[in-house]
PDB file of N, CA and C in Angstrom:
ATOM      1  N   MET A   1      60.857 -14.482  -4.080  1.00  0.00           N
ATOM      2  CA  MET A   1      59.918 -13.969  -5.069  1.00  0.00           C
ATOM      3  C   MET A   1      58.495 -14.037  -4.494  1.00  0.00           C
ATOM      4  N   PRO A   2      57.767 -12.920  -4.496  1.00  0.00           N
ATOM      5  CA  PRO A   2      56.390 -12.973  -3.982  1.00  0.00           C
ATOM      6  C   PRO A   2      55.466 -13.690  -4.950  1.00  0.00           C
ATOM      7  N   LYS A   3      54.327 -14.124  -4.414  1.00  0.00           N
ATOM      8  CA  LYS A   3      53.324 -14.770  -5.265  1.00  0.00           C
ATOM      9  C   LYS A   3      52.694 -13.735  -6.181  1.00  0.00           C
ATOM     10  N   LEU A   4      52.232 -14.182  -7.348  1.00  0.00           N
ATOM     11  CA  LEU A   4      51.529 -13.298  -8.277  1.00  0.00           C
ATOM     12  C   LEU A   4      50.043 -13.332  -7.964  1.00  0.00           C
ATOM     13  N   LYS A   5      49.382 -12.193  -8.102  1.00  0.00           N
ATOM     14  CA  LYS A   5      47.947 -12.142  -7.875  1.00  0.00           C
ATOM     15  C   LYS A   5      47.208 -12.438  -9.167  1.00  0.00           C
ATOM     16  N   THR A   6      46.151 -13.211  -9.060  1.00  0.00           N
ATOM     17  CA  THR A   6      45.290 -13.506 -10.196  1.00  0.00           C
ATOM     18  C   THR A   6      44.322 -12.353 -10.393  1.00  0.00           C
ATOM     19  N   HIS A   7      44.122 -11.938 -11.635  1.00  0.00           N
ATOM     20  CA  HIS A   7      43.114 -10.936 -11.964  1.00  0.00           C
ATOM     21  C   HIS A   7      41.762 -11.633 -11.898  1.00  0.00           C
ATOM     22  N   LYS A   8      40.954 -11.304 -10.885  1.00  0.00           N
ATOM     23  CA  LYS A   8      39.730 -12.058 -10.618  1.00  0.00           C
ATOM     24  C   LYS A   8      38.696 -11.907 -11.739  1.00  0.00           C
ATOM     25  N   GLY A   9      38.674 -10.762 -12.402  1.00  0.00           N
ATOM     26  CA  GLY A   9      37.762 -10.580 -13.531  1.00  0.00           C
ATOM     27  C   GLY A   9      38.139 -11.494 -14.681  1.00  0.00           C
ATOM     28  N   ALA A  10      39.435 -11.650 -14.927  1.00  0.00           N
ATOM     29  CA  ALA A  10      39.912 -12.529 -15.990  1.00  0.00           C
ATOM     30  C   ALA A  10      39.705 -13.990 -15.627  1.00  0.00           C
ATOM     31  N   ALA A  11      39.847 -14.321 -14.341  1.00  0.00           N
ATOM     32  CA  ALA A  11      39.688 -15.707 -13.899  1.00  0.00           C
ATOM     33  C   ALA A  11      38.265 -16.205 -14.143  1.00  0.00           C
ATOM     34  N   LYS A  12      37.294 -15.294 -14.074  1.00  0.00           N
ATOM     35  CA  LYS A  12      35.903 -15.665 -14.313  1.00  0.00           C
ATOM     36  C   LYS A  12      35.590 -15.815 -15.797  1.00  0.00           C
ATOM     37  N   ARG A  13      36.424 -15.241 -16.656  1.00  0.00           N
ATOM     38  CA  ARG A  13      36.134 -15.211 -18.090  1.00  0.00           C
ATOM     39  C   ARG A  13      36.952 -16.200 -18.913  1.00  0.00           C
ATOM     40  N   PHE A  14      38.108 -16.615 -18.417  1.00  0.00           N
ATOM     41  CA  PHE A  14      39.013 -17.461 -19.192  1.00  0.00           C
ATOM     42  C   PHE A  14      39.330 -18.753 -18.463  1.00  0.00           C
ATOM     43  N   LYS A  15      39.543 -19.829 -19.253  1.00  0.00           N
ATOM     44  CA  LYS A  15      39.960 -21.118 -18.697  1.00  0.00           C
ATOM     45  C   LYS A  15      41.086 -21.661 -19.570  1.00  0.00           C
ATOM     46  N   LYS A  16      42.041 -22.346 -18.936  1.00  0.00           N
ATOM     47  CA  LYS A  16      43.123 -22.973 -19.700  1.00  0.00           C
ATOM     48  C   LYS A  16      42.727 -24.385 -20.083  1.00  0.00           C
ATOM     49  N   THR A  17      43.067 -24.797 -21.300  1.00  0.00           N
ATOM     50  CA  THR A  17      42.804 -26.158 -21.751  1.00  0.00           C
ATOM     51  C   THR A  17      43.966 -27.047 -21.333  1.00  0.00           C
ATOM     52  N   GLY A  18      43.846 -28.330 -21.586  1.00  0.00           N
ATOM     53  CA  GLY A  18      44.894 -29.271 -21.229  1.00  0.00           C
ATOM     54  C   GLY A  18      46.185 -29.048 -21.986  1.00  0.00           C
ATOM     55  N   THR A  19      46.078 -28.501 -23.197  1.00  0.00           N
ATOM     56  CA  THR A  19      47.275 -28.269 -24.011  1.00  0.00           C
ATOM     57  C   THR A  19      47.868 -26.886 -23.787  1.00  0.00           C
ATOM     58  N   GLY A  20      47.258 -26.083 -22.905  1.00  0.00           N
ATOM     59  CA  GLY A  20      47.819 -24.772 -22.588  1.00  0.00           C
ATOM     60  C   GLY A  20      47.207 -23.615 -23.332  1.00  0.00           C
ATOM     61  N   LYS A  21      46.236 -23.875 -24.202  1.00  0.00           N
ATOM     62  CA  LYS A  21      45.545 -22.786 -24.876  1.00  0.00           C
ATOM     63  C   LYS A  21      44.531 -22.181 -23.905  1.00  0.00           C
ATOM     64  N   ILE A  22      44.034 -21.000 -24.227  1.00  0.00           N
ATOM     65  CA  ILE A  22      43.091 -20.319 -23.337  1.00  0.00           C
ATOM     66  C   ILE A  22      41.742 -20.183 -24.045  1.00  0.00           C
ATOM     67  N   LYS A  23      40.688 -20.685 -23.364  1.00  0.00           N
ATOM     68  CA  LYS A  23      39.334 -20.609 -23.904  1.00  0.00           C
ATOM     69  C   LYS A  23      38.646 -19.340 -23.422  1.00  0.00           C
ATOM     70  N   ARG A  24      37.746 -18.829 -24.239  1.00  0.00           N
ATOM     71  CA  ARG A  24      36.957 -17.659 -23.872  1.00  0.00           C
ATOM     72  C   ARG A  24      35.541 -17.841 -24.398  1.00  0.00           C
ATOM     73  N   GLY A  25      34.605 -17.122 -23.817  1.00  0.00           N
ATOM     74  CA  GLY A  25      33.239 -17.146 -24.297  1.00  0.00           C
ATOM     75  C   GLY A  25      33.053 -16.118 -25.392  1.00  0.00           C
ATOM     76  N   GLN A  26      31.974 -16.267 -26.159  1.00  0.00           N
ATOM     77  CA  GLN A  26      31.672 -15.307 -27.217  1.00  0.00           C
ATOM     78  C   GLN A  26      30.853 -14.149 -26.647  1.00  0.00           C
ATOM     79  N   SER A  27      30.929 -13.008 -27.305  1.00  0.00           N
ATOM     80  CA  SER A  27      30.132 -11.859 -26.900  1.00  0.00           C
ATOM     81  C   SER A  27      28.821 -11.824 -27.690  1.00  0.00           C
ATOM     82  N   LYS A  28      28.002 -10.830 -27.403  1.00  0.00           N
ATOM     83  CA  LYS A  28      26.730 -10.588 -28.105  1.00  0.00           C
ATOM     84  C   LYS A  28      25.669 -11.657 -27.858  1.00  0.00           C
ATOM     85  N   MET A  29      25.683 -12.266 -26.669  1.00  0.00           N
ATOM     86  CA  MET A  29      24.662 -13.267 -26.352  1.00  0.00           C
ATOM     87  C   MET A  29      23.903 -12.925 -25.068  1.00  0.00           C
ATOM     88  N   ARG A  30      23.942 -11.664 -24.642  1.00  0.00           N
ATOM     89  CA  ARG A  30      23.321 -11.278 -23.377  1.00  0.00           C
ATOM     90  C   ARG A  30      21.871 -10.822 -23.560  1.00  0.00           C
ATOM     91  N   HIS A  31      21.617  -9.982 -24.561  1.00  0.00           N
ATOM     92  CA  HIS A  31      20.268  -9.446 -24.748  1.00  0.00           C
ATOM     93  C   HIS A  31      20.061  -9.110 -26.219  1.00  0.00           C
ATOM     94  N   ILE A  32      18.857  -8.662 -26.563  1.00  0.00           N
ATOM     95  CA  ILE A  32      18.430  -8.385 -27.955  1.00  0.00           C
ATOM     96  C   ILE A  32      18.671  -9.625 -28.820  1.00  0.00           C
ATOM     97  N   LEU A  33      18.201 -10.768 -28.357  1.00  0.00           N
ATOM     98  CA  LEU A  33      18.428 -12.016 -29.077  1.00  0.00           C
ATOM     99  C   LEU A  33      17.345 -12.302 -30.107  1.00  0.00           C
ATOM    100  N   THR A  34      16.208 -11.612 -30.018  1.00  0.00           N
ATOM    101  CA  THR A  34      15.110 -11.891 -30.958  1.00  0.00           C
ATOM    102  C   THR A  34      15.448 -11.427 -32.366  1.00  0.00           C
ATOM    103  N   SER A  35      16.291 -10.394 -32.476  1.00  0.00           N
ATOM    104  CA  SER A  35      16.632  -9.892 -33.801  1.00  0.00           C
ATOM    105  C   SER A  35      17.828 -10.607 -34.423  1.00  0.00           C
ATOM    106  N   LYS A  36      18.445 -11.524 -33.690  1.00  0.00           N
ATOM    107  CA  LYS A  36      19.581 -12.270 -34.230  1.00  0.00           C
ATOM    108  C   LYS A  36      19.098 -13.589 -34.837  1.00  0.00           C
ATOM    109  N   GLU A  37      19.773 -14.014 -35.887  1.00  0.00           N
ATOM    110  CA  GLU A  37      19.399 -15.262 -36.550  1.00  0.00           C
ATOM    111  C   GLU A  37      19.734 -16.461 -35.666  1.00  0.00           C
ATOM    112  N   THR A  38      18.973 -17.526 -35.835  1.00  0.00           N
ATOM    113  CA  THR A  38      19.178 -18.743 -35.053  1.00  0.00           C
ATOM    114  C   THR A  38      20.567 -19.309 -35.286  1.00  0.00           C
ATOM    115  N   LYS A  39      21.011 -19.257 -36.534  1.00  0.00           N
ATOM    116  CA  LYS A  39      22.337 -19.767 -36.889  1.00  0.00           C
ATOM    117  C   LYS A  39      23.437 -18.993 -36.163  1.00  0.00           C
ATOM    118  N   THR A  40      23.265 -17.681 -36.088  1.00  0.00           N
ATOM    119  CA  THR A  40      24.243 -16.831 -35.391  1.00  0.00           C
ATOM    120  C   THR A  40      24.294 -17.155 -33.912  1.00  0.00           C
ATOM    121  N   LYS A  41      23.113 -17.314 -33.302  1.00  0.00           N
ATOM    122  CA  LYS A  41      23.058 -17.610 -31.864  1.00  0.00           C
ATOM    123  C   LYS A  41      23.650 -18.974 -31.563  1.00  0.00           C
ATOM    124  N   ARG A  42      23.441 -19.929 -32.445  1.00  0.00           N
ATOM    125  CA  ARG A  42      23.993 -21.275 -32.267  1.00  0.00           C
ATOM    126  C   ARG A  42      25.517 -21.219 -32.309  1.00  0.00           C
ATOM    127  N   LYS A  43      26.054 -20.413 -33.231  1.00  0.00           N
ATOM    128  CA  LYS A  43      27.503 -20.280 -33.380  1.00  0.00           C
ATOM    129  C   LYS A  43      28.117 -19.574 -32.170  1.00  0.00           C
ATOM    130  N   LEU A  44      27.425 -18.555 -31.655  1.00  0.00           N
ATOM    131  CA  LEU A  44      27.943 -17.782 -30.529  1.00  0.00           C
ATOM    132  C   LEU A  44      27.851 -18.532 -29.202  1.00  0.00           C
ATOM    133  N   ALA A  45      27.043 -19.582 -29.146  1.00  0.00           N
ATOM    134  CA  ALA A  45      26.876 -20.342 -27.905  1.00  0.00           C
ATOM    135  C   ALA A  45      28.137 -21.125 -27.539  1.00  0.00           C
ATOM    136  N   HIS A  46      28.954 -21.456 -28.530  1.00  0.00           N
ATOM    137  CA  HIS A  46      30.162 -22.244 -28.293  1.00  0.00           C
ATOM    138  C   HIS A  46      31.334 -21.340 -27.935  1.00  0.00           C
ATOM    139  N   SER A  47      32.277 -21.875 -27.182  1.00  0.00           N
ATOM    140  CA  SER A  47      33.442 -21.092 -26.776  1.00  0.00           C
ATOM    141  C   SER A  47      34.458 -21.025 -27.910  1.00  0.00           C
ATOM    142  N   ALA A  48      35.369 -20.082 -27.795  1.00  0.00           N
ATOM    143  CA  ALA A  48      36.422 -19.894 -28.796  1.00  0.00           C
ATOM    144  C   ALA A  48      37.760 -19.796 -28.070  1.00  0.00           C
ATOM    145  N   LEU A  49      38.835 -19.745 -28.836  1.00  0.00           N
ATOM    146  CA  LEU A  49      40.176 -19.620 -28.250  1.00  0.00           C
ATOM    147  C   LEU A  49      40.631 -18.165 -28.310  1.00  0.00           C
ATOM    148  N   VAL A  50      41.441 -17.774 -27.349  1.00  0.00           N
ATOM    149  CA  VAL A  50      42.015 -16.436 -27.334  1.00  0.00           C
ATOM    150  C   VAL A  50      43.023 -16.343 -28.476  1.00  0.00           C
ATOM    151  N   SER A  51      43.038 -15.213 -29.170  1.00  0.00           N
ATOM    152  CA  SER A  51      43.932 -15.048 -30.310  1.00  0.00           C
ATOM    153  C   SER A  51      45.389 -14.968 -29.863  1.00  0.00           C
ATOM    154  N   ASP A  52      46.288 -15.185 -30.796  1.00  0.00           N
ATOM    155  CA  ASP A  52      47.720 -15.159 -30.504  1.00  0.00           C
ATOM    156  C   ASP A  52      48.165 -13.766 -30.030  1.00  0.00           C
ATOM    157  N   ALA A  53      47.520 -12.720 -30.551  1.00  0.00           N
ATOM    158  CA  ALA A  53      47.886 -11.348 -30.180  1.00  0.00           C
ATOM    159  C   ALA A  53      47.570 -11.060 -28.716  1.00  0.00           C
ATOM    160  N   ASP A  54      46.508 -11.670 -28.182  1.00  0.00           N
ATOM    161  CA  ASP A  54      46.097 -11.408 -26.803  1.00  0.00           C
ATOM    162  C   ASP A  54      46.562 -12.468 -25.817  1.00  0.00           C
ATOM    163  N   TYR A  55      47.173 -13.530 -26.299  1.00  0.00           N
ATOM    164  CA  TYR A  55      47.513 -14.668 -25.444  1.00  0.00           C
ATOM    165  C   TYR A  55      48.434 -14.277 -24.287  1.00  0.00           C
ATOM    166  N   ALA A  56      49.474 -13.523 -24.558  1.00  0.00           N
ATOM    167  CA  ALA A  56      50.450 -13.164 -23.521  1.00  0.00           C
ATOM    168  C   ALA A  56      49.805 -12.306 -22.443  1.00  0.00           C
ATOM    169  N   LYS A  57      48.948 -11.374 -22.852  1.00  0.00           N
ATOM    170  CA  LYS A  57      48.289 -10.480 -21.900  1.00  0.00           C
ATOM    171  C   LYS A  57      47.348 -11.246 -20.981  1.00  0.00           C
ATOM    172  N   VAL A  58      46.575 -12.169 -21.571  1.00  0.00           N
ATOM    173  CA  VAL A  58      45.606 -12.942 -20.777  1.00  0.00           C
ATOM    174  C   VAL A  58      46.322 -13.931 -19.866  1.00  0.00           C
ATOM    175  N   SER A  59      47.378 -14.563 -20.349  1.00  0.00           N
ATOM    176  CA  SER A  59      48.078 -15.549 -19.535  1.00  0.00           C
ATOM    177  C   SER A  59      48.783 -14.916 -18.341  1.00  0.00           C
ATOM    178  N   ARG A  60      49.179 -13.639 -18.460  1.00  0.00           N
ATOM    179  CA  ARG A  60      49.744 -12.912 -17.315  1.00  0.00           C
ATOM    180  C   ARG A  60      48.686 -12.675 -16.246  1.00  0.00           C
ATOM    181  N   MET A  61      47.431 -12.517 -16.674  1.00  0.00           N
ATOM    182  CA  MET A  61      46.357 -12.236 -15.719  1.00  0.00           C
ATOM    183  C   MET A  61      45.909 -13.484 -14.969  1.00  0.00           C
ATOM    184  N   ILE A  62      46.111 -14.669 -15.556  1.00  0.00           N
ATOM    185  CA  ILE A  62      45.726 -15.917 -14.883  1.00  0.00           C
ATOM    186  C   ILE A  62      46.951 -16.830 -14.761  1.00  0.00           C
ATOM    187  N   PRO A  63      47.908 -16.468 -13.893  1.00  0.00           N
ATOM    188  CA  PRO A  63      49.168 -17.212 -13.838  1.00  0.00           C
ATOM    189  C   PRO A  63      49.037 -18.652 -13.323  1.00  0.00           C
ATOM    190  N   TYR A  64      48.054 -18.930 -12.476  1.00  0.00           N
ATOM    191  CA  TYR A  64      47.960 -20.265 -11.875  1.00  0.00           C
ATOM    192  C   TYR A  64      46.804 -21.085 -12.420  1.00  0.00           C
ATOM    193  N   ALA A  65      46.190 -20.642 -13.513  1.00  0.00           N
ATOM    194  CA  ALA A  65      45.056 -21.380 -14.092  1.00  0.00           C
ATOM    195  C   ALA A  65      45.526 -22.627 -14.812  1.00  0.00           C
TER     196      ALA A  65
END
């Protein structure tokens, strides 16, 4: 069986936790931040988990993470 290749774009965006869940960063924090509320920016600064619907697709892209 050949080795699987890691999707390098996905490897930069996702990390696996100790329990096997996949962490991701939030979007909408790159620019136009002056018009966003402080509360919104504080919430978006923290990471979130990949949803169950996308879990299989993302885990295929990072097989050795």
